[in-house]
Amino acid sequence: MNQAEKAALRQQEYRRRLKEFRLLDDEFMTKCFEDDPKAVELVLRIILEQPDLEVLEVKTQVFVENLRKRSVRLDVRAQDSKGTVYDIEIQRENRGAGFRRARYHCSMMDVGLLEKGADFDQLPETYVIFITEKDVLRRGLPLYRIGRYNYDTQEAVDDGTHIVYVNGAYRGETPLGKLMHDFACPDPEEMHYPVLADKIRFYKETKEGSISMCRSMEELWLQGIQEGKQEGKEEGRQETMIENAINFLKEGTLPLEVIANCIGLPLEEVEKLQQSCMT
């Protein structure tokens, strides 16, 4: 099968998947919310019960880089008229919505929010919102608000950081219940909120929208290939560093600290390699 035939098969698969897409599919949700403050505004107003909330800016698939440690990609990053910053994440698998992941997202969101020399009190309010397909906390509630707590005084601690888990399995005759119905619904004709239905209708039923969505899926596919290649390069680089360190250790002429600095490995890892060489 040549490249053109493979590409045609991928396009056919994209069109099939497009018919089944829901807002609970993160790649579809981020496309629907791309540069659309009104759609994100509706979602935030309902989840946070703030009917006057006004979203000014929306960005999707925002890459927050950490040069030395793990970076993150935010599904939807929004900012409102009061300067509050939001991260909306879709998570279909329970294992990807843990508290520590939410904590890390909070910390990565803070990066870049405070100007050099500014007082820490100027940090804006931030919300990390996980919309999960199932009730990951298993308490039967529509949503869960997570915050810090002073156990000795039995008081909540307001540091401006908020974590919210939204139970995507919740249904009910409430704004949130209707919103979760719409997030799980592939058919715009059966949705409650016109703002969301119109967006889904555009990507599923118009030529312009479906082409744009299929192009995005192709870009994600290509991105996945590139990331896989990069991971392979990193693994190869790590193997080379370990191999070089072992060679230095076998010579036995350099201190461990010098080997670590020369190779670029942590001293603890060089010490472990030395132990393995001696056994």
C-alpha atoms as a PDB file:
ATOM      1  CA  MET A   1       0.000   0.000   0.000  1.00  0.00           C
ATOM      2  CA  ASN A   2       1.498   3.364  -1.029  1.00  0.00           C
ATOM      3  CA  GLN A   3       1.449   6.598   0.985  1.00  0.00           C
ATOM      4  CA  ALA A   4      -1.527   8.065  -0.892  1.00  0.00           C
ATOM      5  CA  GLU A   5      -3.640   4.967  -0.198  1.00  0.00           C
ATOM      6  CA  LYS A   6      -2.674   5.050   3.475  1.00  0.00           C
ATOM      7  CA  ALA A   7      -3.613   8.723   3.689  1.00  0.00           C
ATOM      8  CA  ALA A   8      -6.988   8.016   2.052  1.00  0.00           C
ATOM      9  CA  LEU A   9      -7.705   5.264   4.582  1.00  0.00           C
ATOM     10  CA  ARG A  10      -6.830   7.612   7.417  1.00  0.00           C
ATOM     11  CA  GLN A  11      -9.236  10.234   6.071  1.00  0.00           C
ATOM     12  CA  GLN A  12     -11.962   7.604   5.858  1.00  0.00           C
ATOM     13  CA  GLU A  13     -11.320   6.672   9.493  1.00  0.00           C
ATOM     14  CA  TYR A  14     -11.357  10.339  10.531  1.00  0.00           C
ATOM     15  CA  ARG A  15     -14.791  10.830   8.956  1.00  0.00           C
ATOM     16  CA  ARG A  16     -16.107   7.749  10.758  1.00  0.00           C
ATOM     17  CA  ARG A  17     -14.771   8.943  14.083  1.00  0.00           C
ATOM     18  CA  LEU A  18     -16.155  12.433  13.516  1.00  0.00           C
ATOM     19  CA  LYS A  19     -19.718  11.088  13.458  1.00  0.00           C
ATOM     20  CA  GLU A  20     -19.196   9.504  16.890  1.00  0.00           C
ATOM     21  CA  PHE A  21     -17.304  12.379  18.523  1.00  0.00           C
ATOM     22  CA  ARG A  22     -18.660  13.997  21.680  1.00  0.00           C
ATOM     23  CA  LEU A  23     -17.389  16.874  23.776  1.00  0.00           C
ATOM     24  CA  LEU A  24     -16.116  14.175  26.154  1.00  0.00           C
ATOM     25  CA  ASP A  25     -13.504  13.388  23.513  1.00  0.00           C
ATOM     26  CA  ASP A  26     -10.728  15.848  24.259  1.00  0.00           C
ATOM     27  CA  GLU A  27      -9.499  16.268  20.672  1.00  0.00           C
ATOM     28  CA  PHE A  28     -13.037  17.198  19.594  1.00  0.00           C
ATOM     29  CA  MET A  29     -13.740  19.389  22.610  1.00  0.00           C
ATOM     30  CA  THR A  30     -10.568  21.415  22.165  1.00  0.00           C
ATOM     31  CA  LYS A  31     -11.423  21.978  18.488  1.00  0.00           C
ATOM     32  CA  CYS A  32     -14.960  23.084  19.330  1.00  0.00           C
ATOM     33  CA  PHE A  33     -13.732  25.474  22.024  1.00  0.00           C
ATOM     34  CA  GLU A  34     -10.875  26.829  19.928  1.00  0.00           C
ATOM     35  CA  ASP A  35     -11.097  30.655  19.907  1.00  0.00           C
ATOM     36  CA  ASP A  36     -14.692  30.493  21.193  1.00  0.00           C
ATOM     37  CA  PRO A  37     -15.033  32.421  24.474  1.00  0.00           C
ATOM     38  CA  LYS A  38     -18.836  32.097  24.479  1.00  0.00           C
ATOM     39  CA  ALA A  39     -18.818  28.292  24.514  1.00  0.00           C
ATOM     40  CA  VAL A  40     -16.212  28.193  27.294  1.00  0.00           C
ATOM     41  CA  GLU A  41     -18.070  30.946  29.132  1.00  0.00           C
ATOM     42  CA  LEU A  42     -21.245  28.852  29.153  1.00  0.00           C
ATOM     43  CA  VAL A  43     -19.395  25.842  30.580  1.00  0.00           C
ATOM     44  CA  LEU A  44     -17.671  27.846  33.320  1.00  0.00           C
ATOM     45  CA  ARG A  45     -20.815  29.731  34.299  1.00  0.00           C
ATOM     46  CA  ILE A  46     -22.697  26.478  34.833  1.00  0.00           C
ATOM     47  CA  ILE A  47     -19.932  24.534  36.600  1.00  0.00           C
ATOM     48  CA  LEU A  48     -18.928  27.375  38.925  1.00  0.00           C
ATOM     49  CA  GLU A  49     -22.456  28.795  39.293  1.00  0.00           C
ATOM     50  CA  GLN A  50     -21.257  32.258  38.298  1.00  0.00           C
ATOM     51  CA  PRO A  51     -23.844  33.632  35.818  1.00  0.00           C
ATOM     52  CA  ASP A  52     -21.970  36.913  35.353  1.00  0.00           C
ATOM     53  CA  LEU A  53     -18.593  35.303  34.531  1.00  0.00           C
ATOM     54  CA  GLU A  54     -17.175  36.800  31.328  1.00  0.00           C
ATOM     55  CA  VAL A  55     -14.458  34.960  29.379  1.00  0.00           C
ATOM     56  CA  LEU A  56     -12.121  37.219  27.441  1.00  0.00           C
ATOM     57  CA  GLU A  57      -9.544  34.796  26.047  1.00  0.00           C
ATOM     58  CA  VAL A  58      -9.423  31.112  25.139  1.00  0.00           C
ATOM     59  CA  LYS A  59      -6.535  28.982  23.953  1.00  0.00           C
ATOM     60  CA  THR A  60      -6.540  25.234  23.382  1.00  0.00           C
ATOM     61  CA  GLN A  61      -3.771  22.628  23.525  1.00  0.00           C
ATOM     62  CA  VAL A  62      -1.503  25.032  25.406  1.00  0.00           C
ATOM     63  CA  PHE A  63       1.956  23.558  25.939  1.00  0.00           C
ATOM     64  CA  VAL A  64       3.530  24.631  29.240  1.00  0.00           C
ATOM     65  CA  GLU A  65       7.192  23.716  29.078  1.00  0.00           C
ATOM     66  CA  ASN A  66       9.396  22.697  31.966  1.00  0.00           C
ATOM     67  CA  LEU A  67      12.940  22.440  30.619  1.00  0.00           C
ATOM     68  CA  ARG A  68      14.251  20.242  33.426  1.00  0.00           C
ATOM     69  CA  LYS A  69      11.182  18.213  34.365  1.00  0.00           C
ATOM     70  CA  ARG A  70       7.845  17.088  32.954  1.00  0.00           C
ATOM     71  CA  SER A  71       5.929  19.553  30.789  1.00  0.00           C
ATOM     72  CA  VAL A  72       2.132  19.591  30.429  1.00  0.00           C
ATOM     73  CA  ARG A  73      -0.371  20.319  27.681  1.00  0.00           C
ATOM     74  CA  LEU A  74      -3.549  22.079  28.824  1.00  0.00           C
ATOM     75  CA  ASP A  75      -6.716  21.132  26.919  1.00  0.00           C
ATOM     76  CA  VAL A  76      -8.369  24.530  27.324  1.00  0.00           C
ATOM     77  CA  ARG A  77      -6.849  27.591  28.975  1.00  0.00           C
ATOM     78  CA  ALA A  78      -9.136  30.572  29.531  1.00  0.00           C
ATOM     79  CA  GLN A  79      -9.012  33.908  31.291  1.00  0.00           C
ATOM     80  CA  ASP A  80     -11.963  35.977  32.483  1.00  0.00           C
ATOM     81  CA  SER A  81     -12.555  39.697  32.912  1.00  0.00           C
ATOM     82  CA  LYS A  82     -11.285  39.584  36.519  1.00  0.00           C
ATOM     83  CA  GLY A  83      -7.967  37.961  35.551  1.00  0.00           C
ATOM     84  CA  THR A  84      -8.884  34.509  36.852  1.00  0.00           C
ATOM     85  CA  VAL A  85      -7.214  31.739  34.842  1.00  0.00           C
ATOM     86  CA  TYR A  86      -8.867  28.397  34.069  1.00  0.00           C
ATOM     87  CA  ASP A  87      -7.642  25.023  32.853  1.00  0.00           C
ATOM     88  CA  ILE A  88     -10.427  22.725  31.611  1.00  0.00           C
ATOM     89  CA  GLU A  89      -9.391  19.097  31.136  1.00  0.00           C
ATOM     90  CA  ILE A  90     -11.372  16.222  29.664  1.00  0.00           C
ATOM     91  CA  GLN A  91     -10.476  12.885  31.222  1.00  0.00           C
ATOM     92  CA  ARG A  92     -12.235   9.697  30.162  1.00  0.00           C
ATOM     93  CA  GLU A  93     -10.001   7.301  32.106  1.00  0.00           C
ATOM     94  CA  ASN A  94     -10.094   7.375  35.908  1.00  0.00           C
ATOM     95  CA  ARG A  95      -6.366   6.792  36.230  1.00  0.00           C
ATOM     96  CA  GLY A  96      -5.574  10.058  34.438  1.00  0.00           C
ATOM     97  CA  ALA A  97      -7.521  12.278  36.835  1.00  0.00           C
ATOM     98  CA  GLY A  98      -5.670  11.808  40.120  1.00  0.00           C
ATOM     99  CA  PHE A  99      -5.201  14.522  42.733  1.00  0.00           C
ATOM    100  CA  ARG A 100      -1.457  14.706  42.130  1.00  0.00           C
ATOM    101  CA  ARG A 101      -1.980  15.375  38.448  1.00  0.00           C
ATOM    102  CA  ALA A 102      -4.367  18.191  39.345  1.00  0.00           C
ATOM    103  CA  ARG A 103      -1.770  19.520  41.774  1.00  0.00           C
ATOM    104  CA  TYR A 104       0.887  19.513  39.046  1.00  0.00           C
ATOM    105  CA  HIS A 105      -1.419  21.307  36.630  1.00  0.00           C
ATOM    106  CA  CYS A 106      -1.992  23.972  39.285  1.00  0.00           C
ATOM    107  CA  SER A 107       1.737  24.496  39.739  1.00  0.00           C
ATOM    108  CA  MET A 108       2.411  24.632  35.997  1.00  0.00           C
ATOM    109  CA  MET A 109      -0.395  27.144  35.506  1.00  0.00           C
ATOM    110  CA  ASP A 110       1.264  29.468  38.013  1.00  0.00           C
ATOM    111  CA  VAL A 111       4.405  29.544  35.875  1.00  0.00           C
ATOM    112  CA  GLY A 112       4.460  32.833  34.004  1.00  0.00           C
ATOM    113  CA  LEU A 113       1.509  34.377  35.862  1.00  0.00           C
ATOM    114  CA  LEU A 114       3.648  36.550  38.150  1.00  0.00           C
ATOM    115  CA  GLU A 115       5.943  39.271  36.868  1.00  0.00           C
ATOM    116  CA  LYS A 116       9.518  39.392  38.119  1.00  0.00           C
ATOM    117  CA  GLY A 117       9.680  41.243  41.441  1.00  0.00           C
ATOM    118  CA  ALA A 118       5.892  41.262  41.878  1.00  0.00           C
ATOM    119  CA  ASP A 119       4.326  40.468  45.234  1.00  0.00           C
ATOM    120  CA  PHE A 120       2.998  36.924  45.631  1.00  0.00           C
ATOM    121  CA  ASP A 121      -0.406  38.338  46.574  1.00  0.00           C
ATOM    122  CA  GLN A 122      -0.729  39.416  42.947  1.00  0.00           C
ATOM    123  CA  LEU A 123      -1.007  35.803  41.783  1.00  0.00           C
ATOM    124  CA  PRO A 124      -4.448  35.473  40.143  1.00  0.00           C
ATOM    125  CA  GLU A 125      -7.103  32.968  41.113  1.00  0.00           C
ATOM    126  CA  THR A 126      -6.701  29.708  39.194  1.00  0.00           C
ATOM    127  CA  TYR A 127      -9.069  26.824  38.541  1.00  0.00           C
ATOM    128  CA  VAL A 128      -8.159  23.349  37.323  1.00  0.00           C
ATOM    129  CA  ILE A 129     -11.381  21.668  36.209  1.00  0.00           C
ATOM    130  CA  PHE A 130     -11.465  17.972  35.357  1.00  0.00           C
ATOM    131  CA  ILE A 131     -14.584  16.859  33.480  1.00  0.00           C
ATOM    132  CA  THR A 132     -14.522  13.085  33.812  1.00  0.00           C
ATOM    133  CA  GLU A 133     -16.687  10.591  31.960  1.00  0.00           C
ATOM    134  CA  LYS A 134     -17.314   8.625  35.154  1.00  0.00           C
ATOM    135  CA  ASP A 135     -17.722   9.539  38.808  1.00  0.00           C
ATOM    136  CA  VAL A 136     -14.015   9.109  39.615  1.00  0.00           C
ATOM    137  CA  LEU A 137     -14.434  10.035  43.298  1.00  0.00           C
ATOM    138  CA  ARG A 138     -17.364   7.601  43.650  1.00  0.00           C
ATOM    139  CA  ARG A 139     -19.469   9.651  46.042  1.00  0.00           C
ATOM    140  CA  GLY A 140     -22.458  10.159  43.770  1.00  0.00           C
ATOM    141  CA  LEU A 141     -22.172  13.944  43.685  1.00  0.00           C
ATOM    142  CA  PRO A 142     -22.503  16.131  40.571  1.00  0.00           C
ATOM    143  CA  LEU A 143     -19.168  17.803  41.265  1.00  0.00           C
ATOM    144  CA  TYR A 144     -16.428  18.018  43.874  1.00  0.00           C
ATOM    145  CA  ARG A 145     -14.618  21.175  44.946  1.00  0.00           C
ATOM    146  CA  ILE A 146     -11.118  20.518  46.252  1.00  0.00           C
ATOM    147  CA  GLY A 147      -9.101  23.012  48.290  1.00  0.00           C
ATOM    148  CA  ARG A 148      -6.507  23.366  51.034  1.00  0.00           C
ATOM    149  CA  TYR A 149      -7.471  23.020  54.663  1.00  0.00           C
ATOM    150  CA  ASN A 150      -5.995  23.990  58.043  1.00  0.00           C
ATOM    151  CA  TYR A 151      -6.542  20.878  60.153  1.00  0.00           C
ATOM    152  CA  ASP A 152      -5.617  22.552  63.440  1.00  0.00           C
ATOM    153  CA  THR A 153      -8.061  25.431  63.124  1.00  0.00           C
ATOM    154  CA  GLN A 154     -10.552  23.481  61.008  1.00  0.00           C
ATOM    155  CA  GLU A 155     -10.688  26.284  58.468  1.00  0.00           C
ATOM    156  CA  ALA A 156     -10.395  26.403  54.712  1.00  0.00           C
ATOM    157  CA  VAL A 157      -7.214  28.031  53.385  1.00  0.00           C
ATOM    158  CA  ASP A 158      -7.795  30.453  50.517  1.00  0.00           C
ATOM    159  CA  ASP A 159      -4.587  30.551  48.493  1.00  0.00           C
ATOM    160  CA  GLY A 160      -6.397  31.272  45.222  1.00  0.00           C
ATOM    161  CA  THR A 161      -6.003  27.713  43.925  1.00  0.00           C
ATOM    162  CA  HIS A 162      -9.144  25.731  43.102  1.00  0.00           C
ATOM    163  CA  ILE A 163      -9.567  22.169  41.838  1.00  0.00           C
ATOM    164  CA  VAL A 164     -12.958  20.987  40.614  1.00  0.00           C
ATOM    165  CA  TYR A 165     -13.964  17.500  39.515  1.00  0.00           C
ATOM    166  CA  VAL A 166     -17.142  17.367  37.422  1.00  0.00           C
ATOM    167  CA  ASN A 167     -18.964  14.042  37.329  1.00  0.00           C
ATOM    168  CA  GLY A 168     -19.650  13.502  33.631  1.00  0.00           C
ATOM    169  CA  ALA A 169     -22.018  10.638  34.452  1.00  0.00           C
ATOM    170  CA  TYR A 170     -24.372  12.975  36.328  1.00  0.00           C
ATOM    171  CA  ARG A 171     -27.787  13.526  34.770  1.00  0.00           C
ATOM    172  CA  GLY A 172     -30.551  15.651  36.165  1.00  0.00           C
ATOM    173  CA  GLU A 173     -32.926  18.518  35.424  1.00  0.00           C
ATOM    174  CA  THR A 174     -30.346  21.054  36.488  1.00  0.00           C
ATOM    175  CA  PRO A 175     -28.071  23.235  34.335  1.00  0.00           C
ATOM    176  CA  LEU A 176     -25.122  20.981  35.205  1.00  0.00           C
ATOM    177  CA  GLY A 177     -27.077  17.797  34.471  1.00  0.00           C
ATOM    178  CA  LYS A 178     -28.100  19.162  31.086  1.00  0.00           C
ATOM    179  CA  LEU A 179     -24.534  20.278  30.382  1.00  0.00           C
ATOM    180  CA  MET A 180     -23.172  16.799  31.107  1.00  0.00           C
ATOM    181  CA  HIS A 181     -25.860  15.339  28.847  1.00  0.00           C
ATOM    182  CA  ASP A 182     -24.638  17.619  26.068  1.00  0.00           C
ATOM    183  CA  PHE A 183     -21.004  16.655  26.668  1.00  0.00           C
ATOM    184  CA  ALA A 184     -21.929  12.978  26.220  1.00  0.00           C
ATOM    185  CA  CYS A 185     -24.237  13.524  23.240  1.00  0.00           C
ATOM    186  CA  PRO A 186     -22.945  13.025  19.663  1.00  0.00           C
ATOM    187  CA  ASP A 187     -26.118  14.443  18.051  1.00  0.00           C
ATOM    188  CA  PRO A 188     -26.521  18.245  18.124  1.00  0.00           C
ATOM    189  CA  GLU A 189     -30.289  17.859  17.591  1.00  0.00           C
ATOM    190  CA  GLU A 190     -30.577  16.247  21.026  1.00  0.00           C
ATOM    191  CA  MET A 191     -28.544  18.825  22.930  1.00  0.00           C
ATOM    192  CA  HIS A 192     -29.909  21.409  25.369  1.00  0.00           C
ATOM    193  CA  TYR A 193     -27.553  24.327  24.806  1.00  0.00           C
ATOM    194  CA  PRO A 194     -27.613  25.977  21.349  1.00  0.00           C
ATOM    195  CA  VAL A 195     -24.120  27.446  21.774  1.00  0.00           C
ATOM    196  CA  LEU A 196     -22.680  23.930  22.003  1.00  0.00           C
ATOM    197  CA  ALA A 197     -25.069  22.347  19.504  1.00  0.00           C
ATOM    198  CA  ASP A 198     -24.243  24.925  16.836  1.00  0.00           C
ATOM    199  CA  LYS A 199     -20.536  24.314  17.276  1.00  0.00           C
ATOM    200  CA  ILE A 200     -20.894  20.540  16.975  1.00  0.00           C
ATOM    201  CA  ARG A 201     -23.228  20.945  14.018  1.00  0.00           C
ATOM    202  CA  PHE A 202     -20.609  23.053  12.236  1.00  0.00           C
ATOM    203  CA  TYR A 203     -17.850  20.455  12.572  1.00  0.00           C
ATOM    204  CA  LYS A 204     -20.047  17.460  11.827  1.00  0.00           C
ATOM    205  CA  GLU A 205     -22.466  18.705   9.186  1.00  0.00           C
ATOM    206  CA  THR A 206     -20.694  21.370   7.135  1.00  0.00           C
ATOM    207  CA  LYS A 207     -18.000  20.741   4.554  1.00  0.00           C
ATOM    208  CA  GLU A 208     -15.765  23.488   5.941  1.00  0.00           C
ATOM    209  CA  GLY A 209     -16.048  22.224   9.499  1.00  0.00           C
ATOM    210  CA  SER A 210     -15.524  18.534   8.718  1.00  0.00           C
ATOM    211  CA  ILE A 211     -12.455  19.313   6.579  1.00  0.00           C
ATOM    212  CA  SER A 212     -11.031  21.430   9.401  1.00  0.00           C
ATOM    213  CA  MET A 213     -11.651  18.683  11.969  1.00  0.00           C
ATOM    214  CA  CYS A 214     -10.144  15.964   9.775  1.00  0.00           C
ATOM    215  CA  ARG A 215      -7.121  18.176   9.198  1.00  0.00           C
ATOM    216  CA  SER A 216      -6.710  18.559  12.950  1.00  0.00           C
ATOM    217  CA  MET A 217      -6.855  14.792  13.432  1.00  0.00           C
ATOM    218  CA  GLU A 218      -4.192  14.371  10.759  1.00  0.00           C
ATOM    219  CA  GLU A 219      -1.998  16.947  12.527  1.00  0.00           C
ATOM    220  CA  LEU A 220      -2.417  15.078  15.815  1.00  0.00           C
ATOM    221  CA  TRP A 221      -1.444  11.839  14.078  1.00  0.00           C
ATOM    222  CA  LEU A 222       1.700  13.447  12.644  1.00  0.00           C
ATOM    223  CA  GLN A 223       2.469  15.034  16.009  1.00  0.00           C
ATOM    224  CA  GLY A 224       2.221  11.630  17.650  1.00  0.00           C
ATOM    225  CA  ILE A 225       4.741  10.235  15.178  1.00  0.00           C
ATOM    226  CA  GLN A 226       7.158  13.107  15.850  1.00  0.00           C
ATOM    227  CA  GLU A 227       6.803  12.746  19.611  1.00  0.00           C
ATOM    228  CA  GLY A 228       7.429   9.018  19.296  1.00  0.00           C
ATOM    229  CA  LYS A 229      10.582   9.682  17.304  1.00  0.00           C
ATOM    230  CA  GLN A 230      11.728  12.247  19.891  1.00  0.00           C
ATOM    231  CA  GLU A 231      11.137   9.772  22.716  1.00  0.00           C
ATOM    232  CA  GLY A 232      13.228   7.280  20.790  1.00  0.00           C
ATOM    233  CA  LYS A 233      16.034   9.831  20.446  1.00  0.00           C
ATOM    234  CA  GLU A 234      15.908  10.575  24.156  1.00  0.00           C
ATOM    235  CA  GLU A 235      16.038   6.880  25.013  1.00  0.00           C
ATOM    236  CA  GLY A 236      19.011   6.439  22.690  1.00  0.00           C
ATOM    237  CA  ARG A 237      20.767   9.431  24.230  1.00  0.00           C
ATOM    238  CA  GLN A 238      20.201   8.059  27.730  1.00  0.00           C
ATOM    239  CA  GLU A 239      21.610   4.679  26.714  1.00  0.00           C
ATOM    240  CA  THR A 240      24.706   6.374  25.271  1.00  0.00           C
ATOM    241  CA  MET A 241      25.253   8.366  28.462  1.00  0.00           C
ATOM    242  CA  ILE A 242      25.007   5.215  30.584  1.00  0.00           C
ATOM    243  CA  GLU A 243      27.378   3.349  28.280  1.00  0.00           C
ATOM    244  CA  ASN A 244      29.951   6.160  28.472  1.00  0.00           C
ATOM    245  CA  ALA A 245      29.661   6.324  32.247  1.00  0.00           C
ATOM    246  CA  ILE A 246      30.269   2.567  32.540  1.00  0.00           C
ATOM    247  CA  ASN A 247      33.388   2.878  30.365  1.00  0.00           C
ATOM    248  CA  PHE A 248      34.782   5.610  32.642  1.00  0.00           C
ATOM    249  CA  LEU A 249      33.975   3.528  35.717  1.00  0.00           C
ATOM    250  CA  LYS A 250      35.779   0.514  34.306  1.00  0.00           C
ATOM    251  CA  GLU A 251      38.898   2.636  33.761  1.00  0.00           C
ATOM    252  CA  GLY A 252      38.746   3.617  37.436  1.00  0.00           C
ATOM    253  CA  THR A 253      40.800   6.801  36.989  1.00  0.00           C
ATOM    254  CA  LEU A 254      38.198   9.528  37.583  1.00  0.00           C
ATOM    255  CA  PRO A 255      36.179  10.489  40.697  1.00  0.00           C
ATOM    256  CA  LEU A 256      32.456   9.766  40.490  1.00  0.00           C
ATOM    257  CA  GLU A 257      31.626  13.483  40.685  1.00  0.00           C
ATOM    258  CA  VAL A 258      33.780  14.195  37.626  1.00  0.00           C
ATOM    259  CA  ILE A 259      32.166  11.355  35.665  1.00  0.00           C
ATOM    260  CA  ALA A 260      28.690  12.631  36.563  1.00  0.00           C
ATOM    261  CA  ASN A 261      29.544  16.164  35.433  1.00  0.00           C
ATOM    262  CA  CYS A 262      31.216  15.026  32.226  1.00  0.00           C
ATOM    263  CA  ILE A 263      28.466  12.635  31.175  1.00  0.00           C
ATOM    264  CA  GLY A 264      25.481  14.666  32.418  1.00  0.00           C
ATOM    265  CA  LEU A 265      24.025  11.994  34.681  1.00  0.00           C
ATOM    266  CA  PRO A 266      23.007  12.554  38.316  1.00  0.00           C
ATOM    267  CA  LEU A 267      25.668  11.492  40.813  1.00  0.00           C
ATOM    268  CA  GLU A 268      23.242   9.025  42.410  1.00  0.00           C
ATOM    269  CA  GLU A 269      22.823   7.222  39.087  1.00  0.00           C
ATOM    270  CA  VAL A 270      26.587   7.015  38.558  1.00  0.00           C
ATOM    271  CA  GLU A 271      26.932   5.536  42.051  1.00  0.00           C
ATOM    272  CA  LYS A 272      24.332   2.897  41.191  1.00  0.00           C
ATOM    273  CA  LEU A 273      26.183   2.086  37.968  1.00  0.00           C
ATOM    274  CA  GLN A 274      29.405   1.691  39.944  1.00  0.00           C
ATOM    275  CA  GLN A 275      27.715  -0.807  42.268  1.00  0.00           C
ATOM    276  CA  SER A 276      26.376  -2.801  39.323  1.00  0.00           C
ATOM    277  CA  CYS A 277      29.844  -2.856  37.717  1.00  0.00           C
ATOM    278  CA  MET A 278      31.331  -4.263  40.908  1.00  0.00           C
ATOM    279  CA  THR A 279      28.858  -7.155  41.172  1.00  0.00           C
END
